[in-house]
Amino acid sequence: MPREKNPEASPPRKRAPRRKAEPAVVAQPSFVDPQQRAALIARAAYFRAMHRGFSPGHEMTDWLAAEAEVDAELLRGAGQSTSG
């Protein structure tokens, strides 16, 4: 049996606005020169390779980890400089 509509019932609840989907990939910071960013990544990758004794076969892993590390540090630094 369908429910009867009661005009004196409380008004319908409003829904909260939907959140916009965040992009899956964070764009690289535009405030850093791309050559400077590449140099920072190369340096971080070098130190990662040095830390594991320069064993071959991990170059891409070192580079990608260094890239993520540098980008995170740049974004963290950007958040600190604009908030203070």
N, C-alpha and C. Protein backbone atom coordinates (compact mmCIF):
# COMPACT_ATOMS: atom_id res chain seq x y z
N MET A 1 0.84 -1.17 0.00
CA MET A 1 0.00 0.00 0.00
C MET A 1 0.90 1.24 0.00
N PRO A 2 0.70 2.18 -0.91
CA PRO A 2 1.54 3.37 -0.95
C PRO A 2 1.25 4.29 0.23
N ARG A 3 2.28 5.02 0.59
CA ARG A 3 2.14 5.94 1.72
C ARG A 3 1.31 7.15 1.30
N GLU A 4 0.51 7.63 2.22
CA GLU A 4 -0.29 8.81 1.96
C GLU A 4 0.56 10.05 2.18
N LYS A 5 0.38 11.01 1.34
CA LYS A 5 1.11 12.26 1.51
C LYS A 5 0.35 13.15 2.47
N ASN A 6 1.07 13.69 3.42
CA ASN A 6 0.47 14.55 4.42
C ASN A 6 0.94 15.98 4.17
N PRO A 7 0.10 16.88 3.74
CA PRO A 7 0.54 18.24 3.44
C PRO A 7 1.00 19.00 4.68
N GLU A 8 0.62 18.55 5.84
CA GLU A 8 1.04 19.22 7.07
C GLU A 8 2.33 18.65 7.63
N ALA A 9 2.92 17.70 6.96
CA ALA A 9 4.17 17.09 7.43
C ALA A 9 5.30 18.09 7.31
N SER A 10 6.38 17.80 7.99
CA SER A 10 7.53 18.71 7.95
C SER A 10 8.06 18.83 6.52
N PRO A 11 8.66 19.97 6.18
CA PRO A 11 9.17 20.17 4.82
C PRO A 11 10.29 19.17 4.53
N PRO A 12 10.49 18.84 3.27
CA PRO A 12 11.54 17.87 2.92
C PRO A 12 12.91 18.42 3.30
N ARG A 13 13.78 17.49 3.66
CA ARG A 13 15.15 17.89 4.05
C ARG A 13 15.93 18.33 2.83
N LYS A 14 16.75 19.33 3.03
CA LYS A 14 17.60 19.79 1.95
C LYS A 14 18.89 18.98 1.96
N ARG A 15 19.40 18.70 0.81
CA ARG A 15 20.64 17.96 0.69
C ARG A 15 21.82 18.92 0.71
N ALA A 16 22.90 18.43 1.25
CA ALA A 16 24.13 19.22 1.25
C ALA A 16 24.64 19.31 -0.19
N PRO A 17 25.27 20.43 -0.54
CA PRO A 17 25.81 20.54 -1.90
C PRO A 17 26.90 19.50 -2.13
N ARG A 18 26.98 19.02 -3.34
CA ARG A 18 28.01 18.03 -3.68
C ARG A 18 29.37 18.69 -3.76
N ARG A 19 30.35 17.93 -3.32
CA ARG A 19 31.73 18.41 -3.44
C ARG A 19 32.21 18.16 -4.85
N LYS A 20 32.99 19.08 -5.34
CA LYS A 20 33.56 18.89 -6.67
C LYS A 20 34.67 17.86 -6.58
N ALA A 21 34.75 17.02 -7.58
CA ALA A 21 35.78 15.98 -7.60
C ALA A 21 37.15 16.62 -7.75
N GLU A 22 38.08 16.16 -6.95
CA GLU A 22 39.45 16.67 -7.03
C GLU A 22 40.16 15.98 -8.19
N PRO A 23 41.03 16.68 -8.88
CA PRO A 23 41.75 16.03 -9.98
C PRO A 23 42.66 14.93 -9.43
N ALA A 24 42.75 13.83 -10.18
CA ALA A 24 43.57 12.71 -9.74
C ALA A 24 45.06 13.05 -9.79
N VAL A 25 45.43 13.88 -10.74
CA VAL A 25 46.84 14.25 -10.89
C VAL A 25 46.98 15.71 -10.54
N VAL A 26 47.91 16.02 -9.67
CA VAL A 26 48.16 17.39 -9.29
C VAL A 26 49.11 18.00 -10.31
N ALA A 27 48.73 19.13 -10.84
CA ALA A 27 49.58 19.81 -11.82
C ALA A 27 50.86 20.27 -11.13
N GLN A 28 51.94 20.23 -11.88
CA GLN A 28 53.18 20.67 -11.28
C GLN A 28 53.13 22.16 -11.01
N PRO A 29 53.77 22.60 -9.95
CA PRO A 29 53.71 24.00 -9.57
C PRO A 29 54.21 24.91 -10.69
N SER A 30 53.49 25.99 -10.95
CA SER A 30 53.88 26.88 -12.03
C SER A 30 54.87 27.94 -11.55
N PHE A 31 55.15 28.01 -10.26
CA PHE A 31 56.02 29.04 -9.73
C PHE A 31 57.49 28.63 -9.73
N VAL A 32 57.80 27.42 -10.20
CA VAL A 32 59.18 26.95 -10.24
C VAL A 32 59.57 26.76 -11.70
N ASP A 33 60.73 27.24 -12.04
CA ASP A 33 61.26 27.07 -13.39
C ASP A 33 61.38 25.57 -13.67
N PRO A 34 60.89 25.08 -14.81
CA PRO A 34 60.97 23.65 -15.12
C PRO A 34 62.39 23.10 -15.09
N GLN A 35 63.37 23.90 -15.50
CA GLN A 35 64.77 23.45 -15.45
C GLN A 35 65.24 23.31 -14.01
N GLN A 36 64.81 24.22 -13.15
CA GLN A 36 65.18 24.14 -11.74
C GLN A 36 64.52 22.91 -11.10
N ARG A 37 63.27 22.68 -11.44
CA ARG A 37 62.57 21.49 -10.92
C ARG A 37 63.27 20.22 -11.35
N ALA A 38 63.65 20.14 -12.64
CA ALA A 38 64.35 18.95 -13.15
C ALA A 38 65.68 18.75 -12.43
N ALA A 39 66.39 19.85 -12.14
CA ALA A 39 67.67 19.76 -11.43
C ALA A 39 67.45 19.23 -10.00
N LEU A 40 66.39 19.70 -9.35
CA LEU A 40 66.09 19.21 -8.00
C LEU A 40 65.75 17.72 -8.02
N ILE A 41 65.00 17.29 -9.03
CA ILE A 41 64.63 15.89 -9.15
C ILE A 41 65.88 15.04 -9.42
N ALA A 42 66.74 15.52 -10.32
CA ALA A 42 67.96 14.77 -10.64
C ALA A 42 68.84 14.62 -9.40
N ARG A 43 68.93 15.66 -8.63
CA ARG A 43 69.76 15.59 -7.41
C ARG A 43 69.17 14.59 -6.41
N ALA A 44 67.86 14.66 -6.22
CA ALA A 44 67.20 13.74 -5.29
C ALA A 44 67.33 12.29 -5.78
N ALA A 45 67.20 12.07 -7.08
CA ALA A 45 67.34 10.72 -7.65
C ALA A 45 68.77 10.22 -7.46
N TYR A 46 69.75 11.11 -7.64
CA TYR A 46 71.15 10.73 -7.44
C TYR A 46 71.37 10.26 -6.00
N PHE A 47 70.86 11.01 -5.04
CA PHE A 47 71.06 10.64 -3.65
C PHE A 47 70.33 9.34 -3.30
N ARG A 48 69.19 9.10 -3.94
CA ARG A 48 68.50 7.82 -3.73
C ARG A 48 69.35 6.68 -4.27
N ALA A 49 69.92 6.86 -5.45
CA ALA A 49 70.77 5.82 -6.04
C ALA A 49 72.03 5.61 -5.19
N MET A 50 72.61 6.69 -4.72
CA MET A 50 73.81 6.59 -3.89
C MET A 50 73.49 5.83 -2.60
N HIS A 51 72.33 6.09 -2.02
CA HIS A 51 71.94 5.45 -0.77
C HIS A 51 71.84 3.93 -0.92
N ARG A 52 71.43 3.46 -2.09
CA ARG A 52 71.33 2.01 -2.29
C ARG A 52 72.54 1.44 -3.02
N GLY A 53 73.62 2.20 -3.10
CA GLY A 53 74.89 1.70 -3.65
C GLY A 53 74.97 1.68 -5.16
N PHE A 54 74.17 2.48 -5.83
CA PHE A 54 74.17 2.60 -7.29
C PHE A 54 73.93 1.27 -8.00
N SER A 55 73.19 0.36 -7.38
CA SER A 55 72.90 -0.90 -8.06
C SER A 55 72.01 -0.62 -9.27
N PRO A 56 72.33 -1.20 -10.43
CA PRO A 56 71.59 -0.90 -11.66
C PRO A 56 70.18 -1.49 -11.65
N GLY A 57 69.32 -0.90 -12.50
CA GLY A 57 67.98 -1.41 -12.68
C GLY A 57 66.92 -0.67 -11.89
N HIS A 58 67.29 0.36 -11.15
CA HIS A 58 66.32 1.09 -10.34
C HIS A 58 66.24 2.56 -10.73
N GLU A 59 66.75 2.90 -11.90
CA GLU A 59 66.82 4.30 -12.30
C GLU A 59 65.44 4.96 -12.39
N MET A 60 64.50 4.26 -13.02
CA MET A 60 63.16 4.83 -13.19
C MET A 60 62.46 4.97 -11.83
N THR A 61 62.63 3.97 -10.99
CA THR A 61 62.03 4.03 -9.65
C THR A 61 62.60 5.19 -8.86
N ASP A 62 63.92 5.36 -8.93
CA ASP A 62 64.57 6.47 -8.23
C ASP A 62 64.03 7.81 -8.75
N TRP A 63 63.92 7.93 -10.07
CA TRP A 63 63.47 9.20 -10.65
C TRP A 63 62.04 9.51 -10.25
N LEU A 64 61.16 8.53 -10.36
CA LEU A 64 59.75 8.77 -10.03
C LEU A 64 59.56 9.09 -8.55
N ALA A 65 60.29 8.40 -7.69
CA ALA A 65 60.19 8.68 -6.25
C ALA A 65 60.74 10.08 -5.95
N ALA A 66 61.84 10.44 -6.61
CA ALA A 66 62.43 11.76 -6.42
C ALA A 66 61.48 12.84 -6.93
N GLU A 67 60.84 12.58 -8.05
CA GLU A 67 59.89 13.54 -8.61
C GLU A 67 58.73 13.78 -7.65
N ALA A 68 58.18 12.71 -7.10
CA ALA A 68 57.09 12.85 -6.14
C ALA A 68 57.55 13.60 -4.89
N GLU A 69 58.74 13.29 -4.44
CA GLU A 69 59.30 13.95 -3.24
C GLU A 69 59.49 15.44 -3.47
N VAL A 70 60.08 15.80 -4.60
CA VAL A 70 60.34 17.21 -4.91
C VAL A 70 59.02 17.98 -5.09
N ASP A 71 58.07 17.40 -5.82
CA ASP A 71 56.79 18.08 -6.02
C ASP A 71 56.06 18.28 -4.70
N ALA A 72 56.09 17.27 -3.84
CA ALA A 72 55.44 17.40 -2.53
C ALA A 72 56.11 18.50 -1.71
N GLU A 73 57.42 18.55 -1.76
CA GLU A 73 58.15 19.58 -1.01
C GLU A 73 57.86 20.98 -1.57
N LEU A 74 57.78 21.09 -2.88
CA LEU A 74 57.47 22.38 -3.49
C LEU A 74 56.06 22.83 -3.13
N LEU A 75 55.11 21.91 -3.17
CA LEU A 75 53.74 22.27 -2.82
C LEU A 75 53.63 22.60 -1.33
N ARG A 76 54.34 21.88 -0.50
CA ARG A 76 54.32 22.16 0.94
C ARG A 76 54.94 23.54 1.21
N GLY A 77 56.00 23.86 0.52
CA GLY A 77 56.63 25.17 0.66
C GLY A 77 55.75 26.28 0.15
N ALA A 78 54.98 26.01 -0.91
CA ALA A 78 54.09 27.03 -1.44
C ALA A 78 52.96 27.32 -0.47
N GLY A 79 52.46 26.30 0.20
CA GLY A 79 51.39 26.49 1.18
C GLY A 79 51.87 27.28 2.37
N GLN A 80 53.10 27.09 2.78
CA GLN A 80 53.64 27.81 3.92
C GLN A 80 53.91 29.26 3.58
N SER A 81 54.38 29.55 2.36
CA SER A 81 54.73 30.92 2.02
C SER A 81 53.50 31.79 1.82
N THR A 82 52.36 31.21 1.38
CA THR A 82 51.17 32.02 1.17
C THR A 82 50.36 32.21 2.44
N SER A 83 50.55 31.34 3.44
CA SER A 83 49.75 31.47 4.66
C SER A 83 50.35 32.40 5.68
N GLY A 84 51.60 32.82 5.49
CA GLY A 84 52.23 33.64 6.52
C GLY A 84 52.49 34.97 6.11
